[in-house]
Amino acid sequence: MISAIGECLRLYQFLQHVPLYLEYEDVLMRPETRRRCPLRPAEQTQLFDAFLAATELVTVYYRWRPNLRDEGDSHVVELAVAAGDAPIVTYNRKDFRGGELIFPQLRICTPT
């Protein structure tokens, strides 16, 4: 698992901004998430820190509210728009469809 993550970090540039970091941190610190992970808590923290060190922090200057199905996903659209042509890679594609505010350059992809 760790070698696959390392390979992804070498192949792709992951983008980050403060709201996404806080969301990742919240999910990763939940007891049920920690229990499902085969790594010890200290190793989980080290892995998260390594991932963050490999990400590029993007400053978002404008808040766009595309009226998505899940308002909590709007900050991900803001990050993609601020980054230019960066795709959003998610298994949750349906929540990024149907917004009232359309960004023609926005790409939603599923991880392969």
PDB file of N, CA and C in Angstrom:
ATOM      1  N   MET A   1       0.833  -1.198   0.000  1.00  0.00           N
ATOM      2  CA  MET A   1       0.000   0.000   0.000  1.00  0.00           C
ATOM      3  C   MET A   1       0.873   1.255   0.000  1.00  0.00           C
ATOM      4  N   ILE A   2       1.878   1.296   0.864  1.00  0.00           N
ATOM      5  CA  ILE A   2       2.718   2.485   0.966  1.00  0.00           C
ATOM      6  C   ILE A   2       3.501   2.700  -0.318  1.00  0.00           C
ATOM      7  N   SER A   3       3.962   1.619  -0.947  1.00  0.00           N
ATOM      8  CA  SER A   3       4.710   1.790  -2.193  1.00  0.00           C
ATOM      9  C   SER A   3       3.813   2.338  -3.304  1.00  0.00           C
ATOM     10  N   ALA A   4       2.525   1.940  -3.325  1.00  0.00           N
ATOM     11  CA  ALA A   4       1.585   2.471  -4.324  1.00  0.00           C
ATOM     12  C   ALA A   4       1.359   3.961  -4.108  1.00  0.00           C
ATOM     13  N   ILE A   5       1.259   4.375  -2.862  1.00  0.00           N
ATOM     14  CA  ILE A   5       1.092   5.799  -2.560  1.00  0.00           C
ATOM     15  C   ILE A   5       2.333   6.571  -2.985  1.00  0.00           C
ATOM     16  N   GLY A   6       3.502   6.020  -2.693  1.00  0.00           N
ATOM     17  CA  GLY A   6       4.745   6.674  -3.100  1.00  0.00           C
ATOM     18  C   GLY A   6       4.839   6.833  -4.604  1.00  0.00           C
ATOM     19  N   GLU A   7       4.403   5.810  -5.338  1.00  0.00           N
ATOM     20  CA  GLU A   7       4.409   5.873  -6.800  1.00  0.00           C
ATOM     21  C   GLU A   7       3.481   6.977  -7.299  1.00  0.00           C
ATOM     22  N   CYS A   8       2.296   7.092  -6.719  1.00  0.00           N
ATOM     23  CA  CYS A   8       1.356   8.163  -7.097  1.00  0.00           C
ATOM     24  C   CYS A   8       1.963   9.534  -6.838  1.00  0.00           C
ATOM     25  N   LEU A   9       2.649   9.676  -5.713  1.00  0.00           N
ATOM     26  CA  LEU A   9       3.249  10.965  -5.384  1.00  0.00           C
ATOM     27  C   LEU A   9       4.354  11.325  -6.366  1.00  0.00           C
ATOM     28  N   ARG A  10       5.029  10.331  -6.917  1.00  0.00           N
ATOM     29  CA  ARG A  10       6.071  10.602  -7.922  1.00  0.00           C
ATOM     30  C   ARG A  10       5.467  10.955  -9.276  1.00  0.00           C
ATOM     31  N   LEU A  11       4.316  10.372  -9.602  1.00  0.00           N
ATOM     32  CA  LEU A  11       3.724  10.561 -10.924  1.00  0.00           C
ATOM     33  C   LEU A  11       2.844  11.797 -11.041  1.00  0.00           C
ATOM     34  N   TYR A  12       2.220  12.208  -9.951  1.00  0.00           N
ATOM     35  CA  TYR A  12       1.218  13.271 -10.004  1.00  0.00           C
ATOM     36  C   TYR A  12       1.533  14.371  -9.016  1.00  0.00           C
ATOM     37  N   GLN A  13       1.093  15.573  -9.337  1.00  0.00           N
ATOM     38  CA  GLN A  13       1.210  16.701  -8.416  1.00  0.00           C
ATOM     39  C   GLN A  13      -0.145  16.877  -7.732  1.00  0.00           C
ATOM     40  N   PHE A  14      -0.193  16.633  -6.448  1.00  0.00           N
ATOM     41  CA  PHE A  14      -1.427  16.792  -5.685  1.00  0.00           C
ATOM     42  C   PHE A  14      -1.521  18.222  -5.179  1.00  0.00           C
ATOM     43  N   LEU A  15      -2.698  18.792  -5.330  1.00  0.00           N
ATOM     44  CA  LEU A  15      -2.919  20.173  -4.904  1.00  0.00           C
ATOM     45  C   LEU A  15      -3.725  20.182  -3.614  1.00  0.00           C
ATOM     46  N   GLN A  16      -3.495  21.197  -2.830  1.00  0.00           N
ATOM     47  CA  GLN A  16      -4.096  21.276  -1.515  1.00  0.00           C
ATOM     48  C   GLN A  16      -4.454  22.727  -1.219  1.00  0.00           C
ATOM     49  N   HIS A  17      -5.474  22.915  -0.434  1.00  0.00           N
ATOM     50  CA  HIS A  17      -5.722  24.213   0.178  1.00  0.00           C
ATOM     51  C   HIS A  17      -6.291  23.944   1.560  1.00  0.00           C
ATOM     52  N   VAL A  18      -6.390  24.973   2.372  1.00  0.00           N
ATOM     53  CA  VAL A  18      -6.702  24.786   3.787  1.00  0.00           C
ATOM     54  C   VAL A  18      -8.010  24.021   4.017  1.00  0.00           C
ATOM     55  N   PRO A  19      -9.125  24.344   3.345  1.00  0.00           N
ATOM     56  CA  PRO A  19     -10.350  23.570   3.610  1.00  0.00           C
ATOM     57  C   PRO A  19     -10.213  22.078   3.288  1.00  0.00           C
ATOM     58  N   LEU A  20      -9.484  21.740   2.234  1.00  0.00           N
ATOM     59  CA  LEU A  20      -9.300  20.330   1.889  1.00  0.00           C
ATOM     60  C   LEU A  20      -8.410  19.639   2.912  1.00  0.00           C
ATOM     61  N   TYR A  21      -7.357  20.318   3.358  1.00  0.00           N
ATOM     62  CA  TYR A  21      -6.498  19.776   4.406  1.00  0.00           C
ATOM     63  C   TYR A  21      -7.318  19.466   5.659  1.00  0.00           C
ATOM     64  N   LEU A  22      -8.163  20.416   6.060  1.00  0.00           N
ATOM     65  CA  LEU A  22      -8.975  20.211   7.260  1.00  0.00           C
ATOM     66  C   LEU A  22      -9.945  19.042   7.103  1.00  0.00           C
ATOM     67  N   GLU A  23     -10.486  18.888   5.892  1.00  0.00           N
ATOM     68  CA  GLU A  23     -11.379  17.758   5.634  1.00  0.00           C
ATOM     69  C   GLU A  23     -10.618  16.439   5.717  1.00  0.00           C
ATOM     70  N   TYR A  24      -9.448  16.360   5.089  1.00  0.00           N
ATOM     71  CA  TYR A  24      -8.631  15.151   5.162  1.00  0.00           C
ATOM     72  C   TYR A  24      -8.284  14.824   6.613  1.00  0.00           C
ATOM     73  N   GLU A  25      -7.844  15.844   7.339  1.00  0.00           N
ATOM     74  CA  GLU A  25      -7.455  15.630   8.727  1.00  0.00           C
ATOM     75  C   GLU A  25      -8.629  15.110   9.555  1.00  0.00           C
ATOM     76  N   ASP A  26      -9.809  15.696   9.354  1.00  0.00           N
ATOM     77  CA  ASP A  26     -10.992  15.260  10.086  1.00  0.00           C
ATOM     78  C   ASP A  26     -11.307  13.796   9.814  1.00  0.00           C
ATOM     79  N   VAL A  27     -11.320  13.419   8.543  1.00  0.00           N
ATOM     80  CA  VAL A  27     -11.645  12.030   8.184  1.00  0.00           C
ATOM     81  C   VAL A  27     -10.580  11.065   8.707  1.00  0.00           C
ATOM     82  N   LEU A  28      -9.325  11.410   8.546  1.00  0.00           N
ATOM     83  CA  LEU A  28      -8.250  10.508   8.951  1.00  0.00           C
ATOM     84  C   LEU A  28      -8.115  10.356  10.461  1.00  0.00           C
ATOM     85  N   MET A  29      -8.616  11.295  11.218  1.00  0.00           N
ATOM     86  CA  MET A  29      -8.517  11.207  12.675  1.00  0.00           C
ATOM     87  C   MET A  29      -9.742  10.545  13.315  1.00  0.00           C
ATOM     88  N   ARG A  30     -10.740  10.211  12.525  1.00  0.00           N
ATOM     89  CA  ARG A  30     -11.926   9.543  13.075  1.00  0.00           C
ATOM     90  C   ARG A  30     -11.549   8.151  13.558  1.00  0.00           C
ATOM     91  N   PRO A  31     -12.050   7.761  14.722  1.00  0.00           N
ATOM     92  CA  PRO A  31     -11.704   6.437  15.265  1.00  0.00           C
ATOM     93  C   PRO A  31     -12.014   5.290  14.297  1.00  0.00           C
ATOM     94  N   GLU A  32     -13.140   5.366  13.574  1.00  0.00           N
ATOM     95  CA  GLU A  32     -13.481   4.265  12.664  1.00  0.00           C
ATOM     96  C   GLU A  32     -12.511   4.189  11.489  1.00  0.00           C
ATOM     97  N   THR A  33     -11.986   5.344  11.032  1.00  0.00           N
ATOM     98  CA  THR A  33     -10.999   5.345   9.960  1.00  0.00           C
ATOM     99  C   THR A  33      -9.694   4.746  10.461  1.00  0.00           C
ATOM    100  N   ARG A  34      -9.276   5.160  11.634  1.00  0.00           N
ATOM    101  CA  ARG A  34      -8.028   4.651  12.213  1.00  0.00           C
ATOM    102  C   ARG A  34      -8.091   3.148  12.450  1.00  0.00           C
ATOM    103  N   ARG A  35      -9.237   2.649  12.884  1.00  0.00           N
ATOM    104  CA  ARG A  35      -9.377   1.211  13.138  1.00  0.00           C
ATOM    105  C   ARG A  35      -9.276   0.401  11.847  1.00  0.00           C
ATOM    106  N   ARG A  36      -9.790   0.931  10.744  1.00  0.00           N
ATOM    107  CA  ARG A  36      -9.785   0.200   9.472  1.00  0.00           C
ATOM    108  C   ARG A  36      -8.410   0.179   8.817  1.00  0.00           C
ATOM    109  N   CYS A  37      -7.536   1.056   9.200  1.00  0.00           N
ATOM    110  CA  CYS A  37      -6.213   1.149   8.585  1.00  0.00           C
ATOM    111  C   CYS A  37      -5.264   0.140   9.236  1.00  0.00           C
ATOM    112  N   PRO A  38      -4.493  -0.611   8.424  1.00  0.00           N
ATOM    113  CA  PRO A  38      -3.567  -1.596   8.996  1.00  0.00           C
ATOM    114  C   PRO A  38      -2.335  -0.975   9.676  1.00  0.00           C
ATOM    115  N   LEU A  39      -2.127   0.315   9.489  1.00  0.00           N
ATOM    116  CA  LEU A  39      -0.972   0.981  10.099  1.00  0.00           C
ATOM    117  C   LEU A  39      -1.277   1.384  11.536  1.00  0.00           C
ATOM    118  N   ARG A  40      -0.250   1.448  12.351  1.00  0.00           N
ATOM    119  CA  ARG A  40      -0.403   1.956  13.725  1.00  0.00           C
ATOM    120  C   ARG A  40      -0.672   3.460  13.650  1.00  0.00           C
ATOM    121  N   PRO A  41      -1.306   4.045  14.670  1.00  0.00           N
ATOM    122  CA  PRO A  41      -1.621   5.481  14.625  1.00  0.00           C
ATOM    123  C   PRO A  41      -0.417   6.369  14.307  1.00  0.00           C
ATOM    124  N   ALA A  42       0.732   6.073  14.882  1.00  0.00           N
ATOM    125  CA  ALA A  42       1.921   6.899  14.603  1.00  0.00           C
ATOM    126  C   ALA A  42       2.317   6.794  13.130  1.00  0.00           C
ATOM    127  N   GLU A  43       2.190   5.598  12.552  1.00  0.00           N
ATOM    128  CA  GLU A  43       2.506   5.415  11.136  1.00  0.00           C
ATOM    129  C   GLU A  43       1.487   6.121  10.252  1.00  0.00           C
ATOM    130  N   GLN A  44       0.223   6.111  10.663  1.00  0.00           N
ATOM    131  CA  GLN A  44      -0.812   6.827   9.920  1.00  0.00           C
ATOM    132  C   GLN A  44      -0.490   8.313   9.869  1.00  0.00           C
ATOM    133  N   THR A  45      -0.078   8.865  10.994  1.00  0.00           N
ATOM    134  CA  THR A  45       0.278  10.284  11.059  1.00  0.00           C
ATOM    135  C   THR A  45       1.491  10.574  10.177  1.00  0.00           C
ATOM    136  N   GLN A  46       2.484   9.695  10.203  1.00  0.00           N
ATOM    137  CA  GLN A  46       3.668   9.877   9.361  1.00  0.00           C
ATOM    138  C   GLN A  46       3.297   9.838   7.878  1.00  0.00           C
ATOM    139  N   LEU A  47       2.416   8.918   7.512  1.00  0.00           N
ATOM    140  CA  LEU A  47       1.988   8.814   6.119  1.00  0.00           C
ATOM    141  C   LEU A  47       1.249  10.079   5.683  1.00  0.00           C
ATOM    142  N   PHE A  48       0.352  10.576   6.531  1.00  0.00           N
ATOM    143  CA  PHE A  48      -0.379  11.806   6.221  1.00  0.00           C
ATOM    144  C   PHE A  48       0.588  12.981   6.085  1.00  0.00           C
ATOM    145  N   ASP A  49       1.540  13.075   6.990  1.00  0.00           N
ATOM    146  CA  ASP A  49       2.533  14.157   6.923  1.00  0.00           C
ATOM    147  C   ASP A  49       3.364  14.061   5.639  1.00  0.00           C
ATOM    148  N   ALA A  50       3.731  12.842   5.237  1.00  0.00           N
ATOM    149  CA  ALA A  50       4.501  12.656   3.994  1.00  0.00           C
ATOM    150  C   ALA A  50       3.664  13.069   2.786  1.00  0.00           C
ATOM    151  N   PHE A  51       2.392  12.690   2.799  1.00  0.00           N
ATOM    152  CA  PHE A  51       1.504  13.097   1.715  1.00  0.00           C
ATOM    153  C   PHE A  51       1.422  14.618   1.636  1.00  0.00           C
ATOM    154  N   LEU A  52       1.213  15.265   2.777  1.00  0.00           N
ATOM    155  CA  LEU A  52       1.100  16.732   2.785  1.00  0.00           C
ATOM    156  C   LEU A  52       2.382  17.397   2.302  1.00  0.00           C
ATOM    157  N   ALA A  53       3.517  16.829   2.657  1.00  0.00           N
ATOM    158  CA  ALA A  53       4.796  17.395   2.221  1.00  0.00           C
ATOM    159  C   ALA A  53       4.949  17.331   0.712  1.00  0.00           C
ATOM    160  N   ALA A  54       4.261  16.382   0.075  1.00  0.00           N
ATOM    161  CA  ALA A  54       4.363  16.217  -1.373  1.00  0.00           C
ATOM    162  C   ALA A  54       3.289  16.992  -2.129  1.00  0.00           C
ATOM    163  N   THR A  55       2.420  17.706  -1.425  1.00  0.00           N
ATOM    164  CA  THR A  55       1.368  18.458  -2.097  1.00  0.00           C
ATOM    165  C   THR A  55       1.797  19.904  -2.319  1.00  0.00           C
ATOM    166  N   GLU A  56       1.125  20.534  -3.245  1.00  0.00           N
ATOM    167  CA  GLU A  56       1.364  21.952  -3.516  1.00  0.00           C
ATOM    168  C   GLU A  56       0.198  22.754  -2.954  1.00  0.00           C
ATOM    169  N   LEU A  57       0.507  23.719  -2.119  1.00  0.00           N
ATOM    170  CA  LEU A  57      -0.522  24.561  -1.528  1.00  0.00           C
ATOM    171  C   LEU A  57      -0.955  25.621  -2.537  1.00  0.00           C
ATOM    172  N   VAL A  58      -2.251  25.689  -2.785  1.00  0.00           N
ATOM    173  CA  VAL A  58      -2.826  26.655  -3.721  1.00  0.00           C
ATOM    174  C   VAL A  58      -3.647  27.656  -2.921  1.00  0.00           C
ATOM    175  N   THR A  59      -3.444  28.913  -3.198  1.00  0.00           N
ATOM    176  CA  THR A  59      -4.243  29.953  -2.548  1.00  0.00           C
ATOM    177  C   THR A  59      -5.479  30.214  -3.395  1.00  0.00           C
ATOM    178  N   VAL A  60      -6.631  30.157  -2.757  1.00  0.00           N
ATOM    179  CA  VAL A  60      -7.901  30.410  -3.435  1.00  0.00           C
ATOM    180  C   VAL A  60      -8.328  31.830  -3.063  1.00  0.00           C
ATOM    181  N   TYR A  61      -8.430  32.686  -4.065  1.00  0.00           N
ATOM    182  CA  TYR A  61      -8.762  34.086  -3.823  1.00  0.00           C
ATOM    183  C   TYR A  61     -10.253  34.379  -3.929  1.00  0.00           C
ATOM    184  N   TYR A  62     -10.983  33.516  -4.627  1.00  0.00           N
ATOM    185  CA  TYR A  62     -12.416  33.759  -4.822  1.00  0.00           C
ATOM    186  C   TYR A  62     -13.197  32.542  -4.363  1.00  0.00           C
ATOM    187  N   ARG A  63     -14.312  32.773  -3.740  1.00  0.00           N
ATOM    188  CA  ARG A  63     -15.222  31.692  -3.355  1.00  0.00           C
ATOM    189  C   ARG A  63     -16.290  31.562  -4.427  1.00  0.00           C
ATOM    190  N   TRP A  64     -16.318  30.411  -5.049  1.00  0.00           N
ATOM    191  CA  TRP A  64     -17.325  30.108  -6.060  1.00  0.00           C
ATOM    192  C   TRP A  64     -18.318  29.148  -5.436  1.00  0.00           C
ATOM    193  N   ARG A  65     -19.568  29.412  -5.587  1.00  0.00           N
ATOM    194  CA  ARG A  65     -20.596  28.516  -5.061  1.00  0.00           C
ATOM    195  C   ARG A  65     -21.441  28.016  -6.223  1.00  0.00           C
ATOM    196  N   PRO A  66     -21.051  26.848  -6.780  1.00  0.00           N
ATOM    197  CA  PRO A  66     -21.743  26.336  -7.963  1.00  0.00           C
ATOM    198  C   PRO A  66     -23.083  25.659  -7.655  1.00  0.00           C
ATOM    199  N   ASN A  67     -23.535  25.713  -6.393  1.00  0.00           N
ATOM    200  CA  ASN A  67     -24.789  25.057  -5.989  1.00  0.00           C
ATOM    201  C   ASN A  67     -24.769  23.572  -6.294  1.00  0.00           C
ATOM    202  N   LEU A  68     -23.740  22.901  -5.812  1.00  0.00           N
ATOM    203  CA  LEU A  68     -23.634  21.457  -5.975  1.00  0.00           C
ATOM    204  C   LEU A  68     -24.620  20.752  -5.060  1.00  0.00           C
ATOM    205  N   ARG A  69     -24.848  19.492  -5.373  1.00  0.00           N
ATOM    206  CA  ARG A  69     -25.722  18.655  -4.559  1.00  0.00           C
ATOM    207  C   ARG A  69     -25.267  18.658  -3.090  1.00  0.00           C
ATOM    208  N   ASP A  70     -23.960  18.539  -2.882  1.00  0.00           N
ATOM    209  CA  ASP A  70     -23.361  18.583  -1.547  1.00  0.00           C
ATOM    210  C   ASP A  70     -22.549  19.870  -1.443  1.00  0.00           C
ATOM    211  N   GLU A  71     -23.056  20.840  -0.725  1.00  0.00           N
ATOM    212  CA  GLU A  71     -22.377  22.142  -0.588  1.00  0.00           C
ATOM    213  C   GLU A  71     -20.965  21.976  -0.045  1.00  0.00           C
ATOM    214  N   GLY A  72     -20.726  20.917   0.709  1.00  0.00           N
ATOM    215  CA  GLY A  72     -19.398  20.671   1.254  1.00  0.00           C
ATOM    216  C   GLY A  72     -18.351  20.372   0.196  1.00  0.00           C
ATOM    217  N   ASP A  73     -18.764  20.109  -1.037  1.00  0.00           N
ATOM    218  CA  ASP A  73     -17.826  19.850  -2.126  1.00  0.00           C
ATOM    219  C   ASP A  73     -17.430  21.116  -2.883  1.00  0.00           C
ATOM    220  N   SER A  74     -18.080  22.220  -2.610  1.00  0.00           N
ATOM    221  CA  SER A  74     -17.804  23.460  -3.349  1.00  0.00           C
ATOM    222  C   SER A  74     -16.354  23.900  -3.224  1.00  0.00           C
ATOM    223  N   HIS A  75     -15.750  23.684  -2.058  1.00  0.00           N
ATOM    224  CA  HIS A  75     -14.362  24.128  -1.885  1.00  0.00           C
ATOM    225  C   HIS A  75     -13.412  23.347  -2.790  1.00  0.00           C
ATOM    226  N   VAL A  76     -13.779  22.129  -3.189  1.00  0.00           N
ATOM    227  CA  VAL A  76     -12.946  21.355  -4.108  1.00  0.00           C
ATOM    228  C   VAL A  76     -13.000  21.985  -5.506  1.00  0.00           C
ATOM    229  N   VAL A  77     -14.174  22.443  -5.905  1.00  0.00           N
ATOM    230  CA  VAL A  77     -14.310  23.147  -7.186  1.00  0.00           C
ATOM    231  C   VAL A  77     -13.488  24.435  -7.140  1.00  0.00           C
ATOM    232  N   GLU A  78     -13.546  25.153  -6.042  1.00  0.00           N
ATOM    233  CA  GLU A  78     -12.760  26.387  -5.902  1.00  0.00           C
ATOM    234  C   GLU A  78     -11.267  26.105  -6.078  1.00  0.00           C
ATOM    235  N   LEU A  79     -10.788  25.021  -5.486  1.00  0.00           N
ATOM    236  CA  LEU A  79      -9.380  24.657  -5.623  1.00  0.00           C
ATOM    237  C   LEU A  79      -9.032  24.354  -7.074  1.00  0.00           C
ATOM    238  N   ALA A  80      -9.868  23.569  -7.753  1.00  0.00           N
ATOM    239  CA  ALA A  80      -9.606  23.222  -9.154  1.00  0.00           C
ATOM    240  C   ALA A  80      -9.611  24.460 -10.049  1.00  0.00           C
ATOM    241  N   VAL A  81     -10.538  25.379  -9.816  1.00  0.00           N
ATOM    242  CA  VAL A  81     -10.608  26.603 -10.614  1.00  0.00           C
ATOM    243  C   VAL A  81      -9.376  27.479 -10.346  1.00  0.00           C
ATOM    244  N   ALA A  82      -9.001  27.605  -9.082  1.00  0.00           N
ATOM    245  CA  ALA A  82      -7.829  28.423  -8.739  1.00  0.00           C
ATOM    246  C   ALA A  82      -6.545  27.835  -9.320  1.00  0.00           C
ATOM    247  N   ALA A  83      -6.501  26.517  -9.473  1.00  0.00           N
ATOM    248  CA  ALA A  83      -5.298  25.859  -9.986  1.00  0.00           C
ATOM    249  C   ALA A  83      -5.216  25.875 -11.506  1.00  0.00           C
ATOM    250  N   GLY A  84      -6.223  26.391 -12.162  1.00  0.00           N
ATOM    251  CA  GLY A  84      -6.204  26.428 -13.624  1.00  0.00           C
ATOM    252  C   GLY A  84      -6.905  25.222 -14.206  1.00  0.00           C
ATOM    253  N   ASP A  85      -6.146  24.337 -14.810  1.00  0.00           N
ATOM    254  CA  ASP A  85      -6.779  23.196 -15.480  1.00  0.00           C
ATOM    255  C   ASP A  85      -6.622  21.886 -14.706  1.00  0.00           C
ATOM    256  N   ALA A  86      -6.443  21.941 -13.416  1.00  0.00           N
ATOM    257  CA  ALA A  86      -6.276  20.725 -12.614  1.00  0.00           C
ATOM    258  C   ALA A  86      -7.596  19.952 -12.535  1.00  0.00           C
ATOM    259  N   PRO A  87      -7.538  18.642 -12.797  1.00  0.00           N
ATOM    260  CA  PRO A  87      -8.772  17.849 -12.689  1.00  0.00           C
ATOM    261  C   PRO A  87      -9.099  17.541 -11.227  1.00  0.00           C
ATOM    262  N   ILE A  88     -10.359  17.269 -10.972  1.00  0.00           N
ATOM    263  CA  ILE A  88     -10.789  16.742  -9.675  1.00  0.00           C
ATOM    264  C   ILE A  88     -10.855  15.232  -9.853  1.00  0.00           C
ATOM    265  N   VAL A  89     -10.110  14.507  -9.037  1.00  0.00           N
ATOM    266  CA  VAL A  89     -10.085  13.050  -9.128  1.00  0.00           C
ATOM    267  C   VAL A  89     -10.831  12.502  -7.916  1.00  0.00           C
ATOM    268  N   THR A  90     -11.953  11.818  -8.197  1.00  0.00           N
ATOM    269  CA  THR A  90     -12.823  11.357  -7.116  1.00  0.00           C
ATOM    270  C   THR A  90     -13.649  10.158  -7.558  1.00  0.00           C
ATOM    271  N   TYR A  91     -14.032   9.340  -6.606  1.00  0.00           N
ATOM    272  CA  TYR A  91     -15.001   8.276  -6.878  1.00  0.00           C
ATOM    273  C   TYR A  91     -16.420   8.820  -6.798  1.00  0.00           C
ATOM    274  N   ASN A  92     -16.562  10.054  -6.354  1.00  0.00           N
ATOM    275  CA  ASN A  92     -17.857  10.665  -6.077  1.00  0.00           C
ATOM    276  C   ASN A  92     -18.248  11.648  -7.184  1.00  0.00           C
ATOM    277  N   ARG A  93     -18.175  11.233  -8.420  1.00  0.00           N
ATOM    278  CA  ARG A  93     -18.419  12.126  -9.560  1.00  0.00           C
ATOM    279  C   ARG A  93     -19.824  12.723  -9.571  1.00  0.00           C
ATOM    280  N   LYS A  94     -20.805  11.967  -9.137  1.00  0.00           N
ATOM    281  CA  LYS A  94     -22.198  12.426  -9.222  1.00  0.00           C
ATOM    282  C   LYS A  94     -22.428  13.712  -8.420  1.00  0.00           C
ATOM    283  N   ASP A  95     -21.691  13.913  -7.343  1.00  0.00           N
ATOM    284  CA  ASP A  95     -21.895  15.113  -6.536  1.00  0.00           C
ATOM    285  C   ASP A  95     -21.335  16.371  -7.186  1.00  0.00           C
ATOM    286  N   PHE A  96     -20.569  16.231  -8.255  1.00  0.00           N
ATOM    287  CA  PHE A  96     -20.009  17.396  -8.939  1.00  0.00           C
ATOM    288  C   PHE A  96     -20.773  17.736 -10.214  1.00  0.00           C
ATOM    289  N   ARG A  97     -21.859  17.035 -10.464  1.00  0.00           N
ATOM    290  CA  ARG A  97     -22.689  17.306 -11.642  1.00  0.00           C
ATOM    291  C   ARG A  97     -23.881  18.167 -11.259  1.00  0.00           C
ATOM    292  N   GLY A  98     -24.381  18.912 -12.216  1.00  0.00           N
ATOM    293  CA  GLY A  98     -25.637  19.625 -12.026  1.00  0.00           C
ATOM    294  C   GLY A  98     -25.544  20.955 -11.314  1.00  0.00           C
ATOM    295  N   GLY A  99     -24.351  21.472 -11.105  1.00  0.00           N
ATOM    296  CA  GLY A  99     -24.243  22.784 -10.489  1.00  0.00           C
ATOM    297  C   GLY A  99     -24.737  23.873 -11.421  1.00  0.00           C
ATOM    298  N   GLU A 100     -25.207  24.950 -10.841  1.00  0.00           N
ATOM    299  CA  GLU A 100     -25.721  26.066 -11.643  1.00  0.00           C
ATOM    300  C   GLU A 100     -24.599  26.906 -12.249  1.00  0.00           C
ATOM    301  N   LEU A 101     -23.456  26.950 -11.587  1.00  0.00           N
ATOM    302  CA  LEU A 101     -22.311  27.716 -12.074  1.00  0.00           C
ATOM    303  C   LEU A 101     -21.401  26.744 -12.827  1.00  0.00           C
ATOM    304  N   ILE A 102     -21.219  26.964 -14.108  1.00  0.00           N
ATOM    305  CA  ILE A 102     -20.479  26.041 -14.971  1.00  0.00           C
ATOM    306  C   ILE A 102     -19.076  26.586 -15.244  1.00  0.00           C
ATOM    307  N   PHE A 103     -18.093  25.703 -15.103  1.00  0.00           N
ATOM    308  CA  PHE A 103     -16.709  26.029 -15.436  1.00  0.00           C
ATOM    309  C   PHE A 103     -16.302  25.106 -16.581  1.00  0.00           C
ATOM    310  N   PRO A 104     -16.226  25.603 -17.823  1.00  0.00           N
ATOM    311  CA  PRO A 104     -15.951  24.746 -18.985  1.00  0.00           C
ATOM    312  C   PRO A 104     -14.653  23.953 -18.870  1.00  0.00           C
ATOM    313  N   GLN A 105     -13.633  24.494 -18.211  1.00  0.00           N
ATOM    314  CA  GLN A 105     -12.340  23.811 -18.121  1.00  0.00           C
ATOM    315  C   GLN A 105     -12.300  22.761 -17.018  1.00  0.00           C
ATOM    316  N   LEU A 106     -13.325  22.679 -16.194  1.00  0.00           N
ATOM    317  CA  LEU A 106     -13.337  21.758 -15.057  1.00  0.00           C
ATOM    318  C   LEU A 106     -13.521  20.315 -15.521  1.00  0.00           C
ATOM    319  N   ARG A 107     -12.602  19.449 -15.101  1.00  0.00           N
ATOM    320  CA  ARG A 107     -12.668  18.026 -15.442  1.00  0.00           C
ATOM    321  C   ARG A 107     -12.840  17.211 -14.159  1.00  0.00           C
ATOM    322  N   ILE A 108     -13.789  16.287 -14.171  1.00  0.00           N
ATOM    323  CA  ILE A 108     -14.017  15.385 -13.057  1.00  0.00           C
ATOM    324  C   ILE A 108     -13.627  13.990 -13.533  1.00  0.00           C
ATOM    325  N   CYS A 109     -12.660  13.379 -12.878  1.00  0.00           N
ATOM    326  CA  CYS A 109     -12.137  12.081 -13.295  1.00  0.00           C
ATOM    327  C   CYS A 109     -12.263  11.082 -12.149  1.00  0.00           C
ATOM    328  N   THR A 110     -12.345   9.802 -12.527  1.00  0.00           N
ATOM    329  CA  THR A 110     -12.353   8.726 -11.550  1.00  0.00           C
ATOM    330  C   THR A 110     -10.947   8.133 -11.493  1.00  0.00           C
ATOM    331  N   PRO A 111     -10.431   7.850 -10.289  1.00  0.00           N
ATOM    332  CA  PRO A 111      -9.091   7.234 -10.212  1.00  0.00           C
ATOM    333  C   PRO A 111      -9.091   5.868 -10.894  1.00  0.00           C
ATOM    334  N   THR A 112      -7.986   5.520 -11.511  1.00  0.00           N
ATOM    335  CA  THR A 112      -7.894   4.218 -12.163  1.00  0.00           C
ATOM    336  C   THR A 112      -6.904   3.341 -11.448  1.00  0.00           C
TER     337      THR A 112
END
